[in-house]
Amino acid sequence: MVTIAFIAIQLVSLAVMLLFVHEYKRISYKHENLVHTIEAGVKPSCTLQSTIIIWIYVIAISTVAIGSSIIYFYTPAIS
């Protein structure tokens, strides 16, 4: 029962991560379009920053998910 709850929590965490990445990309794309309409020919500086923030978030969440899974499944007293 505890294992099923743990897996469910991990799946919810990954779903939230995917939702965050999708929404962040959508907002970043709208911001990029807004900058293009205001100043034609100018590449927005937020493009590189948003990509870095997304990858930092993905790496952090993946590291926490993998680390907690390793701790959970390799500690016999918990599972």
C-alpha atoms as a PDB file:
ATOM      1  CA  MET A   1       0.000   0.000   0.000  1.00  0.00           C
ATOM      2  CA  VAL A   2       2.814   2.396   0.873  1.00  0.00           C
ATOM      3  CA  THR A   3       4.557   1.582  -2.410  1.00  0.00           C
ATOM      4  CA  ILE A   4       1.435   2.439  -4.404  1.00  0.00           C
ATOM      5  CA  ALA A   5       1.104   5.745  -2.553  1.00  0.00           C
ATOM      6  CA  PHE A   6       4.774   6.546  -3.190  1.00  0.00           C
ATOM      7  CA  ILE A   7       4.464   5.805  -6.912  1.00  0.00           C
ATOM      8  CA  ALA A   8       1.282   7.902  -7.091  1.00  0.00           C
ATOM      9  CA  ILE A   9       3.035  10.840  -5.431  1.00  0.00           C
ATOM     10  CA  GLN A  10       5.968  10.516  -7.859  1.00  0.00           C
ATOM     11  CA  LEU A  11       3.601  10.446 -10.849  1.00  0.00           C
ATOM     12  CA  VAL A  12       1.770  13.531  -9.593  1.00  0.00           C
ATOM     13  CA  SER A  13       5.122  15.266  -9.131  1.00  0.00           C
ATOM     14  CA  LEU A  14       6.153  14.451 -12.702  1.00  0.00           C
ATOM     15  CA  ALA A  15       2.756  15.584 -14.024  1.00  0.00           C
ATOM     16  CA  VAL A  16       3.167  18.924 -12.234  1.00  0.00           C
ATOM     17  CA  MET A  17       6.639  19.259 -13.744  1.00  0.00           C
ATOM     18  CA  LEU A  18       5.288  18.652 -17.253  1.00  0.00           C
ATOM     19  CA  LEU A  19       2.470  21.137 -16.668  1.00  0.00           C
ATOM     20  CA  PHE A  20       4.944  23.741 -15.408  1.00  0.00           C
ATOM     21  CA  VAL A  21       7.234  23.284 -18.411  1.00  0.00           C
ATOM     22  CA  HIS A  22       4.296  23.504 -20.832  1.00  0.00           C
ATOM     23  CA  GLU A  23       2.899  26.662 -19.226  1.00  0.00           C
ATOM     24  CA  TYR A  24       6.320  28.285 -18.938  1.00  0.00           C
ATOM     25  CA  LYS A  25       7.032  27.670 -22.617  1.00  0.00           C
ATOM     26  CA  ARG A  26       3.598  29.040 -23.549  1.00  0.00           C
ATOM     27  CA  ILE A  27       4.132  32.215 -21.520  1.00  0.00           C
ATOM     28  CA  SER A  28       7.662  32.617 -22.851  1.00  0.00           C
ATOM     29  CA  TYR A  29       6.382  32.252 -26.427  1.00  0.00           C
ATOM     30  CA  LYS A  30       3.711  34.912 -25.831  1.00  0.00           C
ATOM     31  CA  HIS A  31       6.324  37.223 -24.334  1.00  0.00           C
ATOM     32  CA  GLU A  32       8.591  36.641 -27.330  1.00  0.00           C
ATOM     33  CA  ASN A  33       5.743  37.499 -29.711  1.00  0.00           C
ATOM     34  CA  LEU A  34       4.972  40.644 -27.718  1.00  0.00           C
ATOM     35  CA  VAL A  35       8.588  41.801 -27.978  1.00  0.00           C
ATOM     36  CA  HIS A  36       8.572  41.102 -31.733  1.00  0.00           C
ATOM     37  CA  THR A  37       5.445  43.197 -32.233  1.00  0.00           C
ATOM     38  CA  ILE A  38       6.872  46.098 -30.236  1.00  0.00           C
ATOM     39  CA  GLU A  39      10.388  46.094 -31.692  1.00  0.00           C
ATOM     40  CA  ALA A  40      10.640  44.411 -35.067  1.00  0.00           C
ATOM     41  CA  GLY A  41      13.947  42.678 -35.712  1.00  0.00           C
ATOM     42  CA  VAL A  42      15.050  42.538 -32.079  1.00  0.00           C
ATOM     43  CA  LYS A  43      15.647  39.079 -30.610  1.00  0.00           C
ATOM     44  CA  PRO A  44      14.278  38.948 -27.068  1.00  0.00           C
ATOM     45  CA  SER A  45      16.820  38.262 -24.360  1.00  0.00           C
ATOM     46  CA  CYS A  46      14.349  36.142 -22.385  1.00  0.00           C
ATOM     47  CA  THR A  47      14.600  33.178 -24.783  1.00  0.00           C
ATOM     48  CA  LEU A  48      17.916  31.858 -23.463  1.00  0.00           C
ATOM     49  CA  GLN A  49      17.029  32.631 -19.850  1.00  0.00           C
ATOM     50  CA  SER A  50      13.717  30.773 -20.044  1.00  0.00           C
ATOM     51  CA  THR A  51      15.410  27.715 -21.536  1.00  0.00           C
ATOM     52  CA  ILE A  52      17.977  27.681 -18.738  1.00  0.00           C
ATOM     53  CA  ILE A  53      15.292  28.041 -16.060  1.00  0.00           C
ATOM     54  CA  ILE A  54      13.253  25.200 -17.575  1.00  0.00           C
ATOM     55  CA  TRP A  55      16.270  22.870 -17.681  1.00  0.00           C
ATOM     56  CA  ILE A  56      17.275  23.741 -14.107  1.00  0.00           C
ATOM     57  CA  TYR A  57      13.736  22.950 -12.972  1.00  0.00           C
ATOM     58  CA  VAL A  58      13.606  19.660 -14.913  1.00  0.00           C
ATOM     59  CA  ILE A  59      17.007  18.548 -13.610  1.00  0.00           C
ATOM     60  CA  ALA A  60      16.112  19.463 -10.021  1.00  0.00           C
ATOM     61  CA  ILE A  61      12.769  17.625 -10.073  1.00  0.00           C
ATOM     62  CA  SER A  62      14.284  14.594 -11.825  1.00  0.00           C
ATOM     63  CA  THR A  63      17.128  14.448  -9.297  1.00  0.00           C
ATOM     64  CA  VAL A  64      14.706  14.600  -6.378  1.00  0.00           C
ATOM     65  CA  ALA A  65      12.460  11.926  -7.943  1.00  0.00           C
ATOM     66  CA  ILE A  66      15.353   9.570  -8.704  1.00  0.00           C
ATOM     67  CA  GLY A  67      17.018  10.163  -5.342  1.00  0.00           C
ATOM     68  CA  SER A  68      13.854   9.608  -3.337  1.00  0.00           C
ATOM     69  CA  SER A  69      13.053   6.500  -5.389  1.00  0.00           C
ATOM     70  CA  ILE A  70      16.508   5.051  -4.702  1.00  0.00           C
ATOM     71  CA  ILE A  71      16.185   5.782  -0.992  1.00  0.00           C
ATOM     72  CA  TYR A  72      12.665   4.366  -0.872  1.00  0.00           C
ATOM     73  CA  PHE A  73      13.275   1.143  -2.781  1.00  0.00           C
ATOM     74  CA  TYR A  74      16.688   0.339  -1.274  1.00  0.00           C
ATOM     75  CA  THR A  75      15.697   0.906   2.350  1.00  0.00           C
ATOM     76  CA  PRO A  76      14.034  -2.330   3.470  1.00  0.00           C
ATOM     77  CA  ALA A  77      12.376  -0.818   6.559  1.00  0.00           C
ATOM     78  CA  ILE A  78      10.319   1.636   4.460  1.00  0.00           C
ATOM     79  CA  SER A  79       8.891  -0.603   1.731  1.00  0.00           C
END
